[in-house]
Amino acid sequence: MRPITLFTGQWADLPFDEVCRLAAEWGYDGLEIACWGDHFDVEQAVSDPSYVQGKRAQLDKHGLKVWAISNHLVGQAVCDHPIDARHQAILPARVWGSGDPESVRQAAAEELKNTARAAALLGVDTVVGFTGSSIWHTVAMFPPVPASMIEAGYQDFADRWNPILDVFDEVGVRFAHEVHPSEIAYDYVTTQKTLEAIGHRPAFGLNWDPSHMVWQDLDPVGFILDFADRIYHVDCKDTRVRVGDGRRGRLSSHLAWADMRRGWDFVSTGRGDVPWEECFRALNSIGYTGPISIEWEDAGMDRLDGAPEALDYIRRMNAITPPTAAFDAAFSSE
């Protein structure tokens, strides 16, 4: 049975040991550890052997395991344009530095290389995260965007990420990019273009998270099947689409997540529009055996109630198993 983990990114306001305690009490198998808060510090991990040993000891104390770490925040700065106050708010001071945009991008790239090294030291083979994008700001296509600008954006991504992926290859770790608005790969076509830009190298795969696919009108089931060899990690959070009254748009009008005027919102897993049973059947069909990580972002529900509820629901979905060999044989005996 695939392990079910809790992504700690939305819990980084709590001490790591407290998150471990809660997750263990609720019955999670482990954590997808975020590289912010006090949950996991990349610089300490690569410079102090006792730091990683301490994290392992904390997990062991609570009977938890780890299969992936996540560094979305730093990854965002590798390719982003513009670099501004939003990035300063989420980046470690050592990455932000003077705030010079190109210096920030280069420091973020070095931090991602160290994230791969830190993951290897922790004994995990997957880093989940974002890439950023130098062309996301052109997505509205006005003023008119020449094709050359789009192609330059994918070349920029390849130029910045290939050296990072070289380090991932050196230490035997994979990067699982979360397909997401504001990234170089945010839908089906852009995911194809992203993989093509780096020559489909195996070090770069995908973190499948259906929530943003649903409000973009993408098929999360088809995505699993079409990118079967690139699904390196799975995050679960749900989305409810609220358009229909002529006032609520898919771009959400700069409104907060819990604002009912939005065209979509994150909701408790199993209460939204993600076709979870079909998705888990698709994961079975591609032979995905890695962790299923719950990412709690429902702003309208207390997370202390929602996280254990989501675990119960995903456990039921995770129990949807492929037919046994005996079952198949019974139907092919004639």
Protein backbone atom coordinates (compact mmCIF):
# COMPACT_ATOMS: atom_id res chain seq x y z
CA MET A 1 0.00 0.00 0.00
CA ARG A 2 1.29 3.47 -0.89
CA PRO A 3 2.27 5.51 2.19
CA ILE A 4 0.26 8.64 2.98
CA THR A 5 2.18 11.68 4.14
CA LEU A 6 1.38 15.20 5.29
CA PHE A 7 3.04 18.09 3.46
CA THR A 8 4.38 20.39 6.18
CA GLY A 9 4.46 23.61 4.13
CA GLN A 10 1.12 24.84 5.51
CA TRP A 11 2.23 23.95 9.05
CA ALA A 12 5.56 25.78 9.09
CA ASP A 13 4.27 28.18 11.76
CA LEU A 14 4.44 25.23 14.17
CA PRO A 15 7.66 23.66 15.46
CA PHE A 16 8.69 20.59 13.50
CA ASP A 17 8.35 18.30 16.49
CA GLU A 18 4.78 19.49 17.06
CA VAL A 19 3.87 18.71 13.44
CA CYS A 20 5.44 15.27 13.85
CA ARG A 21 3.35 14.67 16.96
CA LEU A 22 0.10 15.72 15.29
CA ALA A 23 0.73 13.71 12.13
CA ALA A 24 1.57 10.61 14.13
CA GLU A 25 -1.51 10.95 16.35
CA TRP A 26 -3.72 11.27 13.28
CA GLY A 27 -2.19 8.15 11.70
CA TYR A 28 -0.07 9.54 8.88
CA ASP A 29 2.74 7.29 7.67
CA GLY A 30 5.22 10.14 7.31
CA LEU A 31 5.87 13.69 6.18
CA GLU A 32 6.73 15.54 3.00
CA ILE A 33 9.04 18.01 4.72
CA ALA A 34 9.11 21.65 3.64
CA CYS A 35 12.45 23.46 3.57
CA TRP A 36 11.21 26.46 5.55
CA GLY A 37 10.20 27.31 9.09
CA ASP A 38 12.26 25.13 11.40
CA HIS A 39 11.22 22.02 9.49
CA PHE A 40 14.34 21.56 7.33
CA ASP A 41 17.23 23.95 6.74
CA VAL A 42 19.22 23.12 3.62
CA GLU A 43 22.35 25.00 4.67
CA GLN A 44 22.52 23.24 8.03
CA ALA A 45 21.84 19.88 6.43
CA VAL A 46 24.82 20.10 4.07
CA SER A 47 27.21 21.64 6.62
CA ASP A 48 26.43 19.79 9.85
CA PRO A 49 26.07 15.97 9.84
CA SER A 50 24.38 16.06 13.23
CA TYR A 51 21.53 18.18 11.83
CA VAL A 52 20.23 15.45 9.52
CA GLN A 53 20.73 12.86 12.25
CA GLY A 54 18.60 15.03 14.53
CA LYS A 55 15.78 15.24 12.00
CA ARG A 56 15.85 11.50 11.56
CA ALA A 57 15.70 11.04 15.33
CA GLN A 58 12.64 13.30 15.56
CA LEU A 59 10.85 11.32 12.87
CA ASP A 60 11.79 8.01 14.47
CA LYS A 61 10.54 9.19 17.87
CA HIS A 62 7.07 9.62 16.37
CA GLY A 63 7.19 6.54 14.12
CA LEU A 64 7.20 8.61 10.93
CA LYS A 65 9.11 8.25 7.67
CA VAL A 66 10.06 10.64 4.89
CA TRP A 67 10.16 10.00 1.13
CA ALA A 68 10.45 13.57 -0.18
CA ILE A 69 11.42 17.09 0.82
CA SER A 70 10.03 20.22 -0.81
CA ASN A 71 11.64 23.53 -1.67
CA HIS A 72 8.94 25.36 -3.62
CA LEU A 73 9.86 28.80 -2.29
CA VAL A 74 13.49 28.85 -3.39
CA GLY A 75 12.74 27.05 -6.65
CA GLN A 76 10.32 29.83 -7.57
CA ALA A 77 13.17 32.33 -7.69
CA VAL A 78 15.39 30.39 -10.09
CA CYS A 79 13.63 31.62 -13.25
CA ASP A 80 11.16 34.23 -12.08
CA HIS A 81 10.74 37.65 -13.63
CA PRO A 82 10.28 40.07 -12.04
CA ILE A 83 12.03 39.39 -8.75
CA ASP A 84 10.42 41.67 -6.18
CA ALA A 85 9.13 42.07 -2.63
CA ARG A 86 7.05 38.88 -2.93
CA HIS A 87 10.23 36.86 -3.23
CA GLN A 88 11.95 38.66 -0.39
CA ALA A 89 9.04 37.62 1.85
CA ILE A 90 9.52 33.90 1.14
CA LEU A 91 13.25 33.45 0.59
CA PRO A 92 16.00 32.82 3.15
CA ALA A 93 18.10 35.94 3.72
CA ARG A 94 21.13 34.16 2.27
CA VAL A 95 19.27 33.70 -1.03
CA TRP A 96 17.75 37.18 -1.15
CA GLY A 97 21.10 38.85 -0.42
CA SER A 98 21.13 42.40 -1.79
CA GLY A 99 17.93 41.81 -3.75
CA ASP A 100 19.63 42.23 -7.12
CA PRO A 101 17.37 40.10 -9.36
CA GLU A 102 20.05 38.14 -11.18
CA SER A 103 22.00 37.57 -7.98
CA VAL A 104 18.82 36.22 -6.36
CA ARG A 105 18.26 33.82 -9.27
CA GLN A 106 21.82 32.53 -9.10
CA ALA A 107 21.70 32.13 -5.32
CA ALA A 108 18.40 30.26 -5.64
CA ALA A 109 19.99 27.90 -8.17
CA GLU A 110 22.86 27.16 -5.78
CA GLU A 111 20.36 26.55 -2.97
CA LEU A 112 18.49 24.04 -5.18
CA LYS A 113 21.75 22.21 -5.83
CA ASN A 114 22.31 22.01 -2.10
CA THR A 115 18.71 20.86 -1.65
CA ALA A 116 19.52 17.82 -3.81
CA ARG A 117 22.61 17.15 -1.67
CA ALA A 118 20.60 17.58 1.52
CA ALA A 119 17.93 15.17 0.28
CA ALA A 120 20.58 12.55 -0.42
CA LEU A 121 22.00 13.01 3.08
CA LEU A 122 18.51 12.55 4.53
CA GLY A 123 18.10 9.39 2.50
CA VAL A 124 15.31 10.52 0.17
CA ASP A 125 15.37 10.50 -3.61
CA THR A 126 12.81 13.19 -4.49
CA VAL A 127 12.72 16.96 -4.13
CA VAL A 128 9.36 18.56 -4.89
CA GLY A 129 9.12 22.18 -5.95
CA PHE A 130 8.58 25.02 -8.37
CA THR A 131 10.79 26.34 -11.17
CA GLY A 132 9.60 29.91 -11.58
CA SER A 133 9.15 31.36 -15.06
CA SER A 134 10.59 34.30 -16.95
CA ILE A 135 7.52 34.38 -19.23
CA TRP A 136 4.54 33.85 -16.91
CA HIS A 137 3.93 37.61 -16.94
CA THR A 138 3.16 37.30 -20.68
CA VAL A 139 0.38 34.73 -20.24
CA ALA A 140 -2.41 37.24 -21.04
CA MET A 141 -0.75 37.69 -24.47
CA PHE A 142 -1.14 41.47 -24.47
CA PRO A 143 0.74 43.46 -25.44
CA PRO A 144 1.22 40.93 -28.26
CA VAL A 145 3.90 38.39 -27.42
CA PRO A 146 6.18 37.25 -30.24
CA ALA A 147 6.87 33.52 -30.43
CA SER A 148 10.56 34.29 -30.04
CA MET A 149 9.94 35.64 -26.53
CA ILE A 150 8.17 32.42 -25.49
CA GLU A 151 10.95 30.26 -26.93
CA ALA A 152 13.52 32.42 -25.14
CA GLY A 153 11.67 31.71 -21.89
CA TYR A 154 12.00 27.96 -22.33
CA GLN A 155 15.65 28.37 -23.26
CA ASP A 156 16.17 30.43 -20.11
CA PHE A 157 14.59 27.62 -18.10
CA ALA A 158 16.87 25.02 -19.70
CA ASP A 159 19.99 27.15 -19.22
CA ARG A 160 19.25 27.68 -15.53
CA TRP A 161 17.95 24.22 -14.65
CA ASN A 162 20.31 21.91 -16.53
CA PRO A 163 23.24 22.74 -14.20
CA ILE A 164 20.94 22.17 -11.21
CA LEU A 165 19.81 18.83 -12.62
CA ASP A 166 23.45 17.84 -13.15
CA VAL A 167 23.84 17.92 -9.36
CA PHE A 168 20.60 15.98 -8.91
CA ASP A 169 22.07 13.30 -11.19
CA GLU A 170 25.37 13.29 -9.29
CA VAL A 171 23.69 12.53 -5.96
CA GLY A 172 20.94 10.22 -7.26
CA VAL A 173 17.97 12.50 -6.51
CA ARG A 174 15.07 13.53 -8.79
CA PHE A 175 13.23 16.84 -9.03
CA ALA A 176 9.42 16.66 -9.14
CA HIS A 177 8.06 19.92 -10.56
CA GLU A 178 4.59 20.88 -9.43
CA VAL A 179 2.63 21.88 -12.55
CA HIS A 180 1.05 25.13 -11.41
CA PRO A 181 0.10 28.61 -12.62
CA SER A 182 3.11 30.98 -12.42
CA GLU A 183 5.52 28.17 -13.37
CA ILE A 184 7.26 27.30 -16.65
CA ALA A 185 4.94 24.25 -16.86
CA TYR A 186 1.40 25.15 -15.80
CA ASP A 187 -0.80 23.05 -18.10
CA TYR A 188 -0.63 20.18 -20.58
CA VAL A 189 1.06 21.95 -23.51
CA THR A 190 3.54 23.84 -21.36
CA THR A 191 4.49 20.61 -19.58
CA GLN A 192 5.31 19.08 -22.94
CA LYS A 193 7.39 22.14 -23.89
CA THR A 194 9.21 22.07 -20.55
CA LEU A 195 10.24 18.44 -20.93
CA GLU A 196 11.33 19.06 -24.50
CA ALA A 197 13.42 22.07 -23.44
CA ILE A 198 15.64 19.86 -21.25
CA GLY A 199 15.69 16.87 -23.57
CA HIS A 200 13.38 14.77 -21.38
CA ARG A 201 16.23 14.11 -18.98
CA PRO A 202 15.17 11.67 -16.24
CA ALA A 203 16.28 13.92 -13.36
CA PHE A 204 13.26 16.16 -14.03
CA GLY A 205 9.77 14.83 -13.46
CA LEU A 206 6.42 15.96 -12.13
CA ASN A 207 4.56 16.34 -8.89
CA TRP A 208 0.95 15.54 -9.75
CA ASP A 209 -1.45 17.84 -7.89
CA PRO A 210 -4.94 17.97 -9.44
CA SER A 211 -6.24 21.05 -7.65
CA HIS A 212 -4.97 23.67 -10.10
CA MET A 213 -5.69 21.44 -13.07
CA VAL A 214 -9.40 21.39 -12.25
CA TRP A 215 -9.95 25.15 -12.24
CA GLN A 216 -7.90 25.43 -15.43
CA ASP A 217 -10.24 22.91 -17.14
CA LEU A 218 -7.48 20.30 -17.46
CA ASP A 219 -8.16 16.58 -17.08
CA PRO A 220 -6.15 15.33 -14.09
CA VAL A 221 -6.79 11.69 -15.02
CA GLY A 222 -5.57 12.13 -18.58
CA PHE A 223 -2.55 13.99 -17.25
CA ILE A 224 -1.53 10.96 -15.18
CA LEU A 225 -1.88 8.64 -18.16
CA ASP A 226 -0.13 10.91 -20.66
CA PHE A 227 2.83 11.69 -18.38
CA ALA A 228 2.97 8.27 -16.74
CA ASP A 229 6.75 7.97 -16.80
CA ARG A 230 7.18 11.41 -15.20
CA ILE A 231 4.89 11.15 -12.19
CA TYR A 232 7.55 11.19 -9.47
CA HIS A 233 5.39 12.36 -6.57
CA VAL A 234 1.71 12.92 -5.76
CA ASP A 235 0.14 15.76 -3.75
CA CYS A 236 -3.56 15.71 -2.91
CA LYS A 237 -5.70 18.78 -2.42
CA ASP A 238 -9.16 19.48 -3.77
CA THR A 239 -10.76 22.38 -5.65
CA ARG A 240 -14.32 23.52 -6.07
CA VAL A 241 -15.17 25.58 -9.15
CA ARG A 242 -17.70 28.33 -8.38
CA VAL A 243 -18.19 30.07 -11.72
CA GLY A 244 -21.67 30.29 -13.15
CA ASP A 245 -23.22 33.53 -11.98
CA GLY A 246 -21.42 35.74 -14.48
CA ARG A 247 -19.48 37.57 -11.78
CA ARG A 248 -16.85 35.08 -10.65
CA GLY A 249 -13.92 34.46 -12.97
CA ARG A 250 -11.31 31.74 -13.04
CA LEU A 251 -8.51 34.24 -12.39
CA SER A 252 -10.06 35.03 -8.97
CA SER A 253 -9.92 38.85 -9.08
CA HIS A 254 -7.01 39.14 -6.61
CA LEU A 255 -9.34 37.91 -3.85
CA ALA A 256 -8.23 35.86 -0.84
CA TRP A 257 -8.67 32.09 -1.03
CA ALA A 258 -11.64 31.97 1.34
CA ASP A 259 -13.51 34.83 -0.36
CA MET A 260 -16.78 33.50 -1.77
CA ARG A 261 -16.58 35.93 -4.72
CA ARG A 262 -13.76 33.88 -6.25
CA GLY A 263 -14.44 31.61 -9.21
CA TRP A 264 -12.77 28.69 -7.46
CA ASP A 265 -11.36 27.76 -4.08
CA PHE A 266 -9.49 25.01 -2.27
CA VAL A 267 -11.79 22.78 -0.21
CA SER A 268 -11.58 19.72 1.99
CA THR A 269 -10.39 16.68 0.06
CA GLY A 270 -13.40 14.78 -1.27
CA ARG A 271 -15.71 17.81 -1.23
CA GLY A 272 -14.58 19.42 -4.46
CA ASP A 273 -14.50 18.70 -8.17
CA VAL A 274 -11.44 16.44 -8.40
CA PRO A 275 -12.54 12.97 -9.64
CA TRP A 276 -10.55 11.18 -6.96
CA GLU A 277 -11.63 7.59 -7.66
CA GLU A 278 -10.74 7.90 -11.34
CA CYS A 279 -7.45 9.53 -10.41
CA PHE A 280 -6.46 6.70 -8.09
CA ARG A 281 -7.43 4.13 -10.68
CA ALA A 282 -5.15 5.97 -13.12
CA LEU A 283 -2.30 5.97 -10.58
CA ASN A 284 -2.81 2.21 -10.25
CA SER A 285 -2.74 1.78 -14.00
CA ILE A 286 0.64 3.48 -14.35
CA GLY A 287 2.08 1.51 -11.45
CA TYR A 288 2.73 4.49 -9.18
CA THR A 289 3.92 3.18 -5.80
CA GLY A 290 5.31 6.33 -4.20
CA PRO A 291 3.87 8.44 -1.41
CA ILE A 292 0.49 10.15 -1.50
CA SER A 293 0.99 13.50 0.22
CA ILE A 294 -1.91 15.53 1.59
CA GLU A 295 -1.51 19.28 1.16
CA TRP A 296 -4.01 21.07 3.39
CA GLU A 297 -5.07 24.52 2.11
CA ASP A 298 -8.79 24.83 2.85
CA ALA A 299 -9.02 28.35 4.32
CA GLY A 300 -12.64 27.75 5.30
CA MET A 301 -11.99 24.82 7.65
CA ASP A 302 -9.83 24.39 10.73
CA ARG A 303 -6.75 22.44 9.69
CA LEU A 304 -6.76 20.43 12.94
CA ASP A 305 -10.13 19.03 11.85
CA GLY A 306 -9.39 18.93 8.15
CA ALA A 307 -6.05 17.13 8.11
CA PRO A 308 -7.30 13.95 9.85
CA GLU A 309 -10.52 14.02 7.80
CA ALA A 310 -8.50 14.24 4.59
CA LEU A 311 -6.36 11.31 5.72
CA ASP A 312 -9.44 9.13 6.22
CA TYR A 313 -10.77 10.01 2.77
CA ILE A 314 -7.46 9.44 0.95
CA ARG A 315 -6.96 6.12 2.76
CA ARG A 316 -10.24 4.95 1.24
CA MET A 317 -9.16 6.11 -2.21
CA ASN A 318 -5.73 4.56 -1.74
CA ALA A 319 -7.40 1.22 -1.03
CA ILE A 320 -8.67 1.06 -4.61
CA THR A 321 -6.30 -1.62 -5.84
CA PRO A 322 -5.78 -3.23 -9.26
CA PRO A 323 -7.27 -6.68 -9.86
CA THR A 324 -5.16 -9.56 -8.62
CA ALA A 325 -3.55 -12.01 -11.01
CA ALA A 326 -6.09 -14.61 -9.94
CA PHE A 327 -8.96 -12.26 -10.78
CA ASP A 328 -7.50 -11.64 -14.24
CA ALA A 329 -6.98 -15.35 -14.80
CA ALA A 330 -10.59 -16.10 -13.91
CA PHE A 331 -11.79 -13.86 -16.69
CA SER A 332 -9.32 -15.19 -19.24
CA SER A 333 -9.69 -18.91 -18.55
CA GLU A 334 -11.95 -19.46 -21.50
